[in-house]
C-alpha atoms as a PDB file:
ATOM      1  CA  UNK A   1       0.599   0.004  -0.239  1.00  0.00           C
ATOM      2  CA  UNK A   2       0.967   3.467  -0.606  1.00  0.00           C
ATOM      3  CA  UNK A   3       2.430   5.535   2.276  1.00  0.00           C
ATOM      4  CA  UNK A   4       2.621   8.726   2.933  1.00  0.00           C
ATOM      5  CA  UNK A   5       6.513   9.971   2.393  1.00  0.00           C
ATOM      6  CA  UNK A   6       9.766  10.842   4.595  1.00  0.00           C
ATOM      7  CA  UNK A   7       8.252  14.271   6.207  1.00  0.00           C
ATOM      8  CA  UNK A   8      11.234  14.856   7.798  1.00  0.00           C
ATOM      9  CA  UNK A   9      14.140  15.981   4.696  1.00  0.00           C
ATOM     10  CA  UNK A  10      16.732  18.647   6.929  1.00  0.00           C
ATOM     11  CA  UNK A  11      16.481  16.631  10.048  1.00  0.00           C
ATOM     12  CA  UNK A  12      19.767  19.241  10.656  1.00  0.00           C
ATOM     13  CA  UNK A  13      18.329  22.637  10.058  1.00  0.00           C
ATOM     14  CA  UNK A  14      17.072  25.043  12.242  1.00  0.00           C
ATOM     15  CA  UNK A  15      15.589  28.638  10.809  1.00  0.00           C
ATOM     16  CA  UNK A  16      18.080  31.510  12.465  1.00  0.00           C
ATOM     17  CA  UNK A  17      15.884  33.499  14.433  1.00  0.00           C
ATOM     18  CA  UNK A  18      16.056  36.991  11.942  1.00  0.00           C
ATOM     19  CA  UNK A  19      14.619  34.451   9.242  1.00  0.00           C
ATOM     20  CA  UNK A  20      11.002  36.286   8.734  1.00  0.00           C
ATOM     21  CA  UNK A  21       8.030  33.796   9.666  1.00  0.00           C
ATOM     22  CA  UNK A  22       6.597  34.693   6.077  1.00  0.00           C
ATOM     23  CA  UNK A  23       2.495  34.786   7.828  1.00  0.00           C
ATOM     24  CA  UNK A  24      -0.631  35.471  10.271  1.00  0.00           C
ATOM     25  CA  UNK A  25      -2.575  33.202  12.080  1.00  0.00           C
ATOM     26  CA  UNK A  26      -5.098  31.875  10.317  1.00  0.00           C
ATOM     27  CA  UNK A  27      -7.208  31.255  13.075  1.00  0.00           C
ATOM     28  CA  UNK A  28      -6.586  34.536  15.745  1.00  0.00           C
ATOM     29  CA  UNK A  29      -4.957  37.029  13.045  1.00  0.00           C
ATOM     30  CA  UNK A  30      -2.303  37.777  15.240  1.00  0.00           C
ATOM     31  CA  UNK A  31       1.172  38.625  13.345  1.00  0.00           C
ATOM     32  CA  UNK A  32       2.892  37.778  16.580  1.00  0.00           C
ATOM     33  CA  UNK A  33       3.875  34.307  15.541  1.00  0.00           C
ATOM     34  CA  UNK A  34       7.107  31.873  15.780  1.00  0.00           C
ATOM     35  CA  UNK A  35       8.739  29.458  14.462  1.00  0.00           C
ATOM     36  CA  UNK A  36       9.004  26.050  15.667  1.00  0.00           C
ATOM     37  CA  UNK A  37      12.447  25.140  14.036  1.00  0.00           C
ATOM     38  CA  UNK A  38      10.540  22.426  11.531  1.00  0.00           C
ATOM     39  CA  UNK A  39      10.998  22.209   8.572  1.00  0.00           C
ATOM     40  CA  UNK A  40       8.807  19.961   6.545  1.00  0.00           C
ATOM     41  CA  UNK A  41       9.263  18.171   3.029  1.00  0.00           C
ATOM     42  CA  UNK A  42      12.537  20.393   1.772  1.00  0.00           C
ATOM     43  CA  UNK A  43       9.406  23.587   1.764  1.00  0.00           C
ATOM     44  CA  UNK A  44       6.714  23.956   4.678  1.00  0.00           C
ATOM     45  CA  UNK A  45       8.004  25.477   7.265  1.00  0.00           C
ATOM     46  CA  UNK A  46       5.635  25.304  10.954  1.00  0.00           C
ATOM     47  CA  UNK A  47       5.067  28.092  12.441  1.00  0.00           C
ATOM     48  CA  UNK A  48       3.443  28.625  16.406  1.00  0.00           C
ATOM     49  CA  UNK A  49       1.511  31.747  16.510  1.00  0.00           C
ATOM     50  CA  UNK A  50       1.824  32.905  20.544  1.00  0.00           C
ATOM     51  CA  UNK A  51      -1.124  34.654  20.636  1.00  0.00           C
ATOM     52  CA  UNK A  52      -4.275  31.112  21.161  1.00  0.00           C
ATOM     53  CA  UNK A  53      -1.468  28.771  20.381  1.00  0.00           C
ATOM     54  CA  UNK A  54      -2.621  27.955  16.855  1.00  0.00           C
ATOM     55  CA  UNK A  55       0.270  25.952  14.802  1.00  0.00           C
ATOM     56  CA  UNK A  56       0.464  26.077  11.432  1.00  0.00           C
ATOM     57  CA  UNK A  57       2.160  25.717   8.404  1.00  0.00           C
ATOM     58  CA  UNK A  58       3.870  28.289   5.486  1.00  0.00           C
ATOM     59  CA  UNK A  59       5.078  27.403   2.310  1.00  0.00           C
ATOM     60  CA  UNK A  60       8.986  28.864   1.699  1.00  0.00           C
ATOM     61  CA  UNK A  61       8.213  27.489  -2.501  1.00  0.00           C
ATOM     62  CA  UNK A  62       4.986  29.740  -3.081  1.00  0.00           C
ATOM     63  CA  UNK A  63       6.155  30.484  -7.611  1.00  0.00           C
ATOM     64  CA  UNK A  64       6.276  26.560  -7.060  1.00  0.00           C
ATOM     65  CA  UNK A  65       3.079  23.847  -7.769  1.00  0.00           C
ATOM     66  CA  UNK A  66       1.675  23.179  -4.302  1.00  0.00           C
ATOM     67  CA  UNK A  67       1.246  19.492  -4.656  1.00  0.00           C
ATOM     68  CA  UNK A  68       0.030  19.026  -0.808  1.00  0.00           C
ATOM     69  CA  UNK A  69      -2.835  21.880  -1.706  1.00  0.00           C
ATOM     70  CA  UNK A  70      -5.630  19.184  -3.663  1.00  0.00           C
ATOM     71  CA  UNK A  71      -6.116  16.441  -1.041  1.00  0.00           C
ATOM     72  CA  UNK A  72      -5.567  13.376  -3.112  1.00  0.00           C
ATOM     73  CA  UNK A  73      -6.523  10.145  -0.669  1.00  0.00           C
ATOM     74  CA  UNK A  74      -3.642   7.545  -0.538  1.00  0.00           C
ATOM     75  CA  UNK A  75      -4.504   4.282  -1.534  1.00  0.00           C
ATOM     76  CA  UNK A  76      -4.120   3.075   1.952  1.00  0.00           C
ATOM     77  CA  UNK A  77      -6.145   5.555   3.127  1.00  0.00           C
ATOM     78  CA  UNK A  78      -9.108   4.089   1.083  1.00  0.00           C
ATOM     79  CA  UNK A  79      -8.737   0.170   2.708  1.00  0.00           C
ATOM     80  CA  UNK A  80      -8.423   2.388   6.177  1.00  0.00           C
ATOM     81  CA  UNK A  81     -11.781   3.232   5.642  1.00  0.00           C
ATOM     82  CA  UNK A  82     -13.201   0.953   4.291  1.00  0.00           C
ATOM     83  CA  UNK A  83     -12.954  -1.589   6.993  1.00  0.00           C
ATOM     84  CA  UNK A  84     -15.557  -2.643   9.343  1.00  0.00           C
ATOM     85  CA  UNK A  85     -13.964  -2.406  12.696  1.00  0.00           C
ATOM     86  CA  UNK A  86     -12.500   1.481  11.857  1.00  0.00           C
ATOM     87  CA  UNK A  87     -16.166   2.281  10.861  1.00  0.00           C
ATOM     88  CA  UNK A  88     -17.252   1.016  13.730  1.00  0.00           C
ATOM     89  CA  UNK A  89     -15.410   2.739  16.387  1.00  0.00           C
ATOM     90  CA  UNK A  90     -16.424   6.440  14.206  1.00  0.00           C
ATOM     91  CA  UNK A  91     -19.693   5.661  14.334  1.00  0.00           C
ATOM     92  CA  UNK A  92     -19.530   5.527  17.972  1.00  0.00           C
ATOM     93  CA  UNK A  93     -18.085   8.672  18.594  1.00  0.00           C
ATOM     94  CA  UNK A  94     -20.522  10.130  16.047  1.00  0.00           C
ATOM     95  CA  UNK A  95     -23.102   8.662  18.091  1.00  0.00           C
ATOM     96  CA  UNK A  96     -21.939  10.206  20.651  1.00  0.00           C
ATOM     97  CA  UNK A  97     -21.982  13.872  19.376  1.00  0.00           C
ATOM     98  CA  UNK A  98     -24.859  13.509  18.045  1.00  0.00           C
ATOM     99  CA  UNK A  99     -26.818  12.466  20.908  1.00  0.00           C
ATOM    100  CA  UNK A 100     -24.577  15.537  23.308  1.00  0.00           C
ATOM    101  CA  UNK A 101     -25.618  18.564  20.637  1.00  0.00           C
ATOM    102  CA  UNK A 102     -29.424  17.533  20.841  1.00  0.00           C
ATOM    103  CA  UNK A 103     -30.244  19.429  24.320  1.00  0.00           C
ATOM    104  CA  UNK A 104     -29.703  22.606  22.214  1.00  0.00           C
ATOM    105  CA  UNK A 105     -29.924  21.304  18.873  1.00  0.00           C
ATOM    106  CA  UNK A 106     -33.261  21.378  19.051  1.00  0.00           C
ATOM    107  CA  UNK A 107     -34.377  18.389  15.227  1.00  0.00           C
ATOM    108  CA  UNK A 108     -31.103  17.531  13.462  1.00  0.00           C
ATOM    109  CA  UNK A 109     -32.357  16.295  10.396  1.00  0.00           C
ATOM    110  CA  UNK A 110     -30.995  17.323   7.996  1.00  0.00           C
ATOM    111  CA  UNK A 111     -26.756  17.841   7.417  1.00  0.00           C
ATOM    112  CA  UNK A 112     -23.944  18.027   4.448  1.00  0.00           C
ATOM    113  CA  UNK A 113     -20.997  16.362   5.250  1.00  0.00           C
ATOM    114  CA  UNK A 114     -18.100  18.819   4.862  1.00  0.00           C
ATOM    115  CA  UNK A 115     -14.797  16.430   3.433  1.00  0.00           C
ATOM    116  CA  UNK A 116     -16.563  13.587   3.446  1.00  0.00           C
ATOM    117  CA  UNK A 117     -14.388  11.132   1.464  1.00  0.00           C
ATOM    118  CA  UNK A 118     -15.759   7.809   0.906  1.00  0.00           C
ATOM    119  CA  UNK A 119     -19.095   8.627   2.693  1.00  0.00           C
ATOM    120  CA  UNK A 120     -19.030   6.416   5.886  1.00  0.00           C
ATOM    121  CA  UNK A 121     -20.173   9.671   7.633  1.00  0.00           C
ATOM    122  CA  UNK A 122     -23.105   9.877   4.941  1.00  0.00           C
ATOM    123  CA  UNK A 123     -24.451   6.315   5.299  1.00  0.00           C
ATOM    124  CA  UNK A 124     -24.083   6.673   9.013  1.00  0.00           C
ATOM    125  CA  UNK A 125     -26.573   9.044   9.226  1.00  0.00           C
ATOM    126  CA  UNK A 126     -28.765   7.713   6.377  1.00  0.00           C
ATOM    127  CA  UNK A 127     -29.053   4.779   8.585  1.00  0.00           C
ATOM    128  CA  UNK A 128     -30.120   7.335  11.245  1.00  0.00           C
ATOM    129  CA  UNK A 129     -32.946   7.882   9.127  1.00  0.00           C
ATOM    130  CA  UNK A 130     -31.699  12.119   8.140  1.00  0.00           C
ATOM    131  CA  UNK A 131     -30.898  13.415   4.522  1.00  0.00           C
ATOM    132  CA  UNK A 132     -27.721  13.510   4.441  1.00  0.00           C
ATOM    133  CA  UNK A 133     -25.219  14.581   1.467  1.00  0.00           C
ATOM    134  CA  UNK A 134     -21.560  14.956   1.820  1.00  0.00           C
ATOM    135  CA  UNK A 135     -18.790  17.157  -0.097  1.00  0.00           C
ATOM    136  CA  UNK A 136     -15.516  16.522  -1.125  1.00  0.00           C
ATOM    137  CA  UNK A 137     -12.583  17.945  -3.438  1.00  0.00           C
ATOM    138  CA  UNK A 138     -11.257  13.896  -3.843  1.00  0.00           C
ATOM    139  CA  UNK A 139     -12.213  12.259  -7.240  1.00  0.00           C
ATOM    140  CA  UNK A 140     -11.354   8.615  -6.159  1.00  0.00           C
ATOM    141  CA  UNK A 141     -13.060   9.723  -2.521  1.00  0.00           C
ATOM    142  CA  UNK A 142     -16.255  10.548  -4.717  1.00  0.00           C
ATOM    143  CA  UNK A 143     -16.501   7.807  -6.739  1.00  0.00           C
ATOM    144  CA  UNK A 144     -16.047   5.257  -4.224  1.00  0.00           C
ATOM    145  CA  UNK A 145     -19.003   7.280  -1.967  1.00  0.00           C
ATOM    146  CA  UNK A 146     -21.339   7.411  -5.298  1.00  0.00           C
ATOM    147  CA  UNK A 147     -20.502   3.159  -5.650  1.00  0.00           C
ATOM    148  CA  UNK A 148     -22.352   2.645  -2.678  1.00  0.00           C
ATOM    149  CA  UNK A 149     -25.686   5.090  -3.235  1.00  0.00           C
ATOM    150  CA  UNK A 150     -24.642   8.017  -1.722  1.00  0.00           C
ATOM    151  CA  UNK A 151     -25.566  11.285  -3.091  1.00  0.00           C
ATOM    152  CA  UNK A 152     -22.052  12.952  -2.542  1.00  0.00           C
ATOM    153  CA  UNK A 153     -20.924  15.513  -4.730  1.00  0.00           C
ATOM    154  CA  UNK A 154     -18.038  17.406  -5.127  1.00  0.00           C
ATOM    155  CA  UNK A 155     -17.131  20.218  -3.192  1.00  0.00           C
ATOM    156  CA  UNK A 156     -17.971  22.497  -6.564  1.00  0.00           C
ATOM    157  CA  UNK A 157     -20.916  21.471  -7.101  1.00  0.00           C
ATOM    158  CA  UNK A 158     -21.924  22.908  -3.088  1.00  0.00           C
ATOM    159  CA  UNK A 159     -23.370  26.435  -3.694  1.00  0.00           C
ATOM    160  CA  UNK A 160     -25.308  25.053  -6.786  1.00  0.00           C
ATOM    161  CA  UNK A 161     -26.786  22.056  -5.306  1.00  0.00           C
ATOM    162  CA  UNK A 162     -27.017  22.735  -1.505  1.00  0.00           C
ATOM    163  CA  UNK A 163     -29.974  25.651  -0.413  1.00  0.00           C
ATOM    164  CA  UNK A 164     -28.847  28.387   1.837  1.00  0.00           C
ATOM    165  CA  UNK A 165     -30.168  27.506   5.221  1.00  0.00           C
ATOM    166  CA  UNK A 166     -31.829  24.237   4.377  1.00  0.00           C
ATOM    167  CA  UNK A 167     -29.573  21.426   6.744  1.00  0.00           C
ATOM    168  CA  UNK A 168     -29.413  20.827  10.103  1.00  0.00           C
ATOM    169  CA  UNK A 169     -26.246  21.005  11.150  1.00  0.00           C
ATOM    170  CA  UNK A 170     -22.650  20.636   8.864  1.00  0.00           C
ATOM    171  CA  UNK A 171     -19.974  18.214   9.578  1.00  0.00           C
ATOM    172  CA  UNK A 172     -15.976  18.774   9.209  1.00  0.00           C
ATOM    173  CA  UNK A 173     -14.513  15.360  10.346  1.00  0.00           C
ATOM    174  CA  UNK A 174     -10.518  15.683  10.870  1.00  0.00           C
ATOM    175  CA  UNK A 175     -11.224  18.818   7.341  1.00  0.00           C
ATOM    176  CA  UNK A 176      -9.753  21.924   8.605  1.00  0.00           C
ATOM    177  CA  UNK A 177      -6.342  21.371   9.348  1.00  0.00           C
ATOM    178  CA  UNK A 178      -6.775  20.361   5.675  1.00  0.00           C
ATOM    179  CA  UNK A 179      -6.994  24.049   4.365  1.00  0.00           C
ATOM    180  CA  UNK A 180      -4.097  26.809   4.848  1.00  0.00           C
ATOM    181  CA  UNK A 181      -7.549  29.309   5.493  1.00  0.00           C
ATOM    182  CA  UNK A 182      -9.658  28.315   7.076  1.00  0.00           C
ATOM    183  CA  UNK A 183     -11.645  30.908   7.800  1.00  0.00           C
ATOM    184  CA  UNK A 184     -12.466  31.251   3.959  1.00  0.00           C
ATOM    185  CA  UNK A 185     -12.900  27.508   3.730  1.00  0.00           C
ATOM    186  CA  UNK A 186     -15.737  27.934   6.497  1.00  0.00           C
ATOM    187  CA  UNK A 187     -18.078  31.278   5.099  1.00  0.00           C
ATOM    188  CA  UNK A 188     -17.826  29.186   1.325  1.00  0.00           C
ATOM    189  CA  UNK A 189     -20.644  26.970   3.787  1.00  0.00           C
ATOM    190  CA  UNK A 190     -21.560  28.306   6.465  1.00  0.00           C
ATOM    191  CA  UNK A 191     -24.387  29.974   5.028  1.00  0.00           C
ATOM    192  CA  UNK A 192     -26.535  26.464   4.029  1.00  0.00           C
ATOM    193  CA  UNK A 193     -26.686  25.869   7.055  1.00  0.00           C
ATOM    194  CA  UNK A 194     -30.578  26.935   9.389  1.00  0.00           C
ATOM    195  CA  UNK A 195     -29.455  30.001  12.302  1.00  0.00           C
ATOM    196  CA  UNK A 196     -29.636  27.652  15.432  1.00  0.00           C
ATOM    197  CA  UNK A 197     -28.204  25.231  13.642  1.00  0.00           C
ATOM    198  CA  UNK A 198     -25.297  23.011  14.667  1.00  0.00           C
ATOM    199  CA  UNK A 199     -20.997  22.589  13.671  1.00  0.00           C
ATOM    200  CA  UNK A 200     -19.053  19.212  13.788  1.00  0.00           C
ATOM    201  CA  UNK A 201     -15.770  19.541  14.039  1.00  0.00           C
ATOM    202  CA  UNK A 202     -12.561  16.984  14.511  1.00  0.00           C
ATOM    203  CA  UNK A 203      -9.375  18.351  14.418  1.00  0.00           C
ATOM    204  CA  UNK A 204      -5.660  17.567  15.662  1.00  0.00           C
ATOM    205  CA  UNK A 205      -5.635  19.213  18.945  1.00  0.00           C
ATOM    206  CA  UNK A 206      -2.251  22.149  19.193  1.00  0.00           C
ATOM    207  CA  UNK A 207      -1.895  21.892  22.562  1.00  0.00           C
ATOM    208  CA  UNK A 208      -1.742  17.496  23.040  1.00  0.00           C
ATOM    209  CA  UNK A 209       0.994  17.393  25.330  1.00  0.00           C
ATOM    210  CA  UNK A 210       3.769  15.365  22.919  1.00  0.00           C
ATOM    211  CA  UNK A 211       2.812  16.881  20.402  1.00  0.00           C
ATOM    212  CA  UNK A 212       4.285  19.541  22.526  1.00  0.00           C
ATOM    213  CA  UNK A 213       7.388  17.714  23.431  1.00  0.00           C
ATOM    214  CA  UNK A 214       8.201  16.600  20.439  1.00  0.00           C
ATOM    215  CA  UNK A 215       8.276  20.487  18.888  1.00  0.00           C
ATOM    216  CA  UNK A 216      10.730  20.759  21.836  1.00  0.00           C
ATOM    217  CA  UNK A 217      13.472  18.006  21.295  1.00  0.00           C
ATOM    218  CA  UNK A 218      12.678  18.929  17.891  1.00  0.00           C
ATOM    219  CA  UNK A 219      13.914  22.668  18.616  1.00  0.00           C
ATOM    220  CA  UNK A 220      16.747  21.409  21.357  1.00  0.00           C
ATOM    221  CA  UNK A 221      19.098  19.000  19.110  1.00  0.00           C
ATOM    222  CA  UNK A 222      18.394  20.827  16.174  1.00  0.00           C
ATOM    223  CA  UNK A 223      16.620  18.018  14.398  1.00  0.00           C
ATOM    224  CA  UNK A 224      19.220  15.001  15.600  1.00  0.00           C
ATOM    225  CA  UNK A 225      16.506  14.091  17.511  1.00  0.00           C
ATOM    226  CA  UNK A 226      13.480  13.846  15.005  1.00  0.00           C
ATOM    227  CA  UNK A 227      10.092  12.028  16.616  1.00  0.00           C
ATOM    228  CA  UNK A 228       7.971  14.303  15.622  1.00  0.00           C
ATOM    229  CA  UNK A 229       6.430  12.099  12.059  1.00  0.00           C
ATOM    230  CA  UNK A 230       3.521  11.095  13.502  1.00  0.00           C
ATOM    231  CA  UNK A 231       2.199  14.242  14.008  1.00  0.00           C
ATOM    232  CA  UNK A 232       3.315  16.607  11.909  1.00  0.00           C
ATOM    233  CA  UNK A 233       2.937  15.527   7.575  1.00  0.00           C
ATOM    234  CA  UNK A 234       2.650  18.080   5.068  1.00  0.00           C
ATOM    235  CA  UNK A 235      -1.941  17.101   4.594  1.00  0.00           C
ATOM    236  CA  UNK A 236      -2.227  19.178   7.110  1.00  0.00           C
ATOM    237  CA  UNK A 237      -2.244  22.494   6.587  1.00  0.00           C
ATOM    238  CA  UNK A 238      -3.015  23.863  10.391  1.00  0.00           C
ATOM    239  CA  UNK A 239      -2.863  22.771  13.778  1.00  0.00           C
ATOM    240  CA  UNK A 240      -5.661  24.678  16.327  1.00  0.00           C
ATOM    241  CA  UNK A 241      -6.134  25.041  19.730  1.00  0.00           C
ATOM    242  CA  UNK A 242      -8.659  25.600  21.796  1.00  0.00           C
ATOM    243  CA  UNK A 243      -8.642  29.068  21.727  1.00  0.00           C
ATOM    244  CA  UNK A 244      -7.442  28.829  18.056  1.00  0.00           C
ATOM    245  CA  UNK A 245     -10.509  27.818  17.280  1.00  0.00           C
ATOM    246  CA  UNK A 246     -12.687  29.405  18.876  1.00  0.00           C
ATOM    247  CA  UNK A 247     -11.102  33.118  17.978  1.00  0.00           C
ATOM    248  CA  UNK A 248     -11.724  31.252  13.862  1.00  0.00           C
ATOM    249  CA  UNK A 249     -15.373  31.015  14.496  1.00  0.00           C
ATOM    250  CA  UNK A 250     -16.647  33.968  16.294  1.00  0.00           C
ATOM    251  CA  UNK A 251     -16.313  36.137  14.269  1.00  0.00           C
ATOM    252  CA  UNK A 252     -18.093  33.962  11.778  1.00  0.00           C
ATOM    253  CA  UNK A 253     -21.688  34.434  13.823  1.00  0.00           C
ATOM    254  CA  UNK A 254     -20.787  30.469  15.254  1.00  0.00           C
ATOM    255  CA  UNK A 255     -20.671  29.758  19.680  1.00  0.00           C
ATOM    256  CA  UNK A 256     -18.560  26.918  20.755  1.00  0.00           C
ATOM    257  CA  UNK A 257     -21.000  24.810  22.993  1.00  0.00           C
ATOM    258  CA  UNK A 258     -18.901  21.917  23.649  1.00  0.00           C
ATOM    259  CA  UNK A 259     -15.432  20.738  23.713  1.00  0.00           C
ATOM    260  CA  UNK A 260     -13.761  17.446  24.394  1.00  0.00           C
ATOM    261  CA  UNK A 261     -10.311  16.076  23.846  1.00  0.00           C
ATOM    262  CA  UNK A 262     -10.579  12.117  22.584  1.00  0.00           C
ATOM    263  CA  UNK A 263      -7.635  10.557  21.191  1.00  0.00           C
ATOM    264  CA  UNK A 264      -7.777   9.409  17.288  1.00  0.00           C
ATOM    265  CA  UNK A 265      -9.976   5.654  16.729  1.00  0.00           C
ATOM    266  CA  UNK A 266      -7.297   2.967  17.582  1.00  0.00           C
ATOM    267  CA  UNK A 267      -8.696   0.744  15.624  1.00  0.00           C
ATOM    268  CA  UNK A 268      -8.100   3.220  12.309  1.00  0.00           C
ATOM    269  CA  UNK A 269      -4.280   4.174  13.880  1.00  0.00           C
ATOM    270  CA  UNK A 270      -3.508   0.461  14.677  1.00  0.00           C
ATOM    271  CA  UNK A 271      -4.408  -0.191   9.911  1.00  0.00           C
ATOM    272  CA  UNK A 272      -2.339   2.880   9.428  1.00  0.00           C
ATOM    273  CA  UNK A 273       0.962   2.084  12.167  1.00  0.00           C
ATOM    274  CA  UNK A 274       0.770  -1.155  10.265  1.00  0.00           C
ATOM    275  CA  UNK A 275       1.336   0.377   6.472  1.00  0.00           C
ATOM    276  CA  UNK A 276       4.475   2.179   8.101  1.00  0.00           C
ATOM    277  CA  UNK A 277       7.247  -0.430   7.202  1.00  0.00           C
ATOM    278  CA  UNK A 278      10.137   1.590   9.345  1.00  0.00           C
ATOM    279  CA  UNK A 279      11.305   0.569  12.555  1.00  0.00           C
ATOM    280  CA  UNK A 280       9.014   3.668  14.123  1.00  0.00           C
ATOM    281  CA  UNK A 281       6.067   2.570  12.425  1.00  0.00           C
ATOM    282  CA  UNK A 282       6.619  -0.828  13.948  1.00  0.00           C
ATOM    283  CA  UNK A 283       7.157   0.504  17.312  1.00  0.00           C
ATOM    284  CA  UNK A 284       4.017   3.095  17.075  1.00  0.00           C
ATOM    285  CA  UNK A 285       1.892  -0.293  15.925  1.00  0.00           C
ATOM    286  CA  UNK A 286       3.242  -1.990  19.556  1.00  0.00           C
ATOM    287  CA  UNK A 287       2.218   1.440  21.456  1.00  0.00           C
ATOM    288  CA  UNK A 288      -0.133   2.755  20.603  1.00  0.00           C
ATOM    289  CA  UNK A 289      -2.848   0.776  22.555  1.00  0.00           C
ATOM    290  CA  UNK A 290      -0.645   1.611  25.821  1.00  0.00           C
ATOM    291  CA  UNK A 291      -0.612   5.035  24.623  1.00  0.00           C
ATOM    292  CA  UNK A 292      -4.404   5.680  23.911  1.00  0.00           C
ATOM    293  CA  UNK A 293      -5.201   4.388  26.445  1.00  0.00           C
ATOM    294  CA  UNK A 294      -3.403   6.862  29.236  1.00  0.00           C
ATOM    295  CA  UNK A 295      -3.816   9.322  26.855  1.00  0.00           C
ATOM    296  CA  UNK A 296      -7.988   8.721  27.195  1.00  0.00           C
ATOM    297  CA  UNK A 297      -7.682   8.268  30.950  1.00  0.00           C
ATOM    298  CA  UNK A 298      -6.240  11.721  31.478  1.00  0.00           C
ATOM    299  CA  UNK A 299      -8.849  12.994  29.550  1.00  0.00           C
ATOM    300  CA  UNK A 300      -6.984  14.222  26.724  1.00  0.00           C
ATOM    301  CA  UNK A 301      -6.102  12.816  23.974  1.00  0.00           C
ATOM    302  CA  UNK A 302      -4.182  13.951  20.264  1.00  0.00           C
ATOM    303  CA  UNK A 303      -8.159  15.441  18.382  1.00  0.00           C
ATOM    304  CA  UNK A 304     -10.277  17.924  19.574  1.00  0.00           C
ATOM    305  CA  UNK A 305     -13.945  17.463  19.425  1.00  0.00           C
ATOM    306  CA  UNK A 306     -15.883  19.706  18.926  1.00  0.00           C
ATOM    307  CA  UNK A 307     -19.959  21.473  18.875  1.00  0.00           C
ATOM    308  CA  UNK A 308     -20.624  24.703  17.881  1.00  0.00           C
ATOM    309  CA  UNK A 309     -23.924  26.928  17.684  1.00  0.00           C
ATOM    310  CA  UNK A 310     -24.512  29.540  14.630  1.00  0.00           C
ATOM    311  CA  UNK A 311     -26.408  32.032  15.815  1.00  0.00           C
ATOM    312  CA  UNK A 312     -30.137  33.148  15.322  1.00  0.00           C
ATOM    313  CA  UNK A 313     -29.644  36.792  14.405  1.00  0.00           C
ATOM    314  CA  UNK A 314     -33.208  36.477  14.212  1.00  0.00           C
ATOM    315  CA  UNK A 315     -33.445  36.178  18.543  1.00  0.00           C
ATOM    316  CA  UNK A 316     -32.889  39.678  20.117  1.00  0.00           C
ATOM    317  CA  UNK A 317     -31.566  39.129  23.189  1.00  0.00           C
ATOM    318  CA  UNK A 318     -33.545  39.195  26.307  1.00  0.00           C
ATOM    319  CA  UNK A 319     -34.311  42.545  28.060  1.00  0.00           C
ATOM    320  CA  UNK A 320     -34.336  43.166  31.831  1.00  0.00           C
ATOM    321  CA  UNK A 321     -37.392  43.742  33.221  1.00  0.00           C
END
């Protein structure tokens, strides 16, 4: 199966302090950003926002084609998400989050799953009796989803196919980290959500303690001790913190109502580690179940699971009598 390209290609390089940081934070907008020292795939420099803690990549080769700008489904990922145990594990997570949202969201009868991949959540929502449609940028994933009889369209068709304010929920399962400008990305689909509707996110947590520790080790050893591979790779453009996500959503008229931290689904990670034939891959496959248990019980998983609500501007704040 196809493996993700090796992420670290310049282990001894730490950019000098006076080298430009090349960007403002895509979450909160501040220009108070600093370098982490990490350079991925010869061209993507990881920066840290001092205000909200979000981490994000900038491309040092802006004049060349960015092959990472279009997320392509790798062969092994098709196998991972077609695995029955992986599907069932994610469905348990979906079910829990939907139940947590219902008390404040009211009826959730329809959903647009943005970045739906091969359509696992669309299929799950269909079985729950929801009117579900998915969108994706990958022709291969769309073809697979349609082959399963699911209602899935390409991302550039959403504007014409999905009427404004027509869905009760938007879902972004492991999606928002793949875009350079999450603000523009969300603005394009938010009109499809009804006022008072709900947004669901699952995305890597920039504040995961292991992430911080590995970056510190990388910098202290000037890249000679590089264990960052499982945490950072070029397909991800942004690693949001909870503060960063709140700062991103607030100006868009969206309020965060629930946040929890969970580990990546164990079955999925075991399948992904199995695709890595390196020594590190074998070690991760053997140690991940124990590590996952420790972090899950401590409530410090590597993923942010977030429920948010689109403000209903038609409802005026009540005036105290």
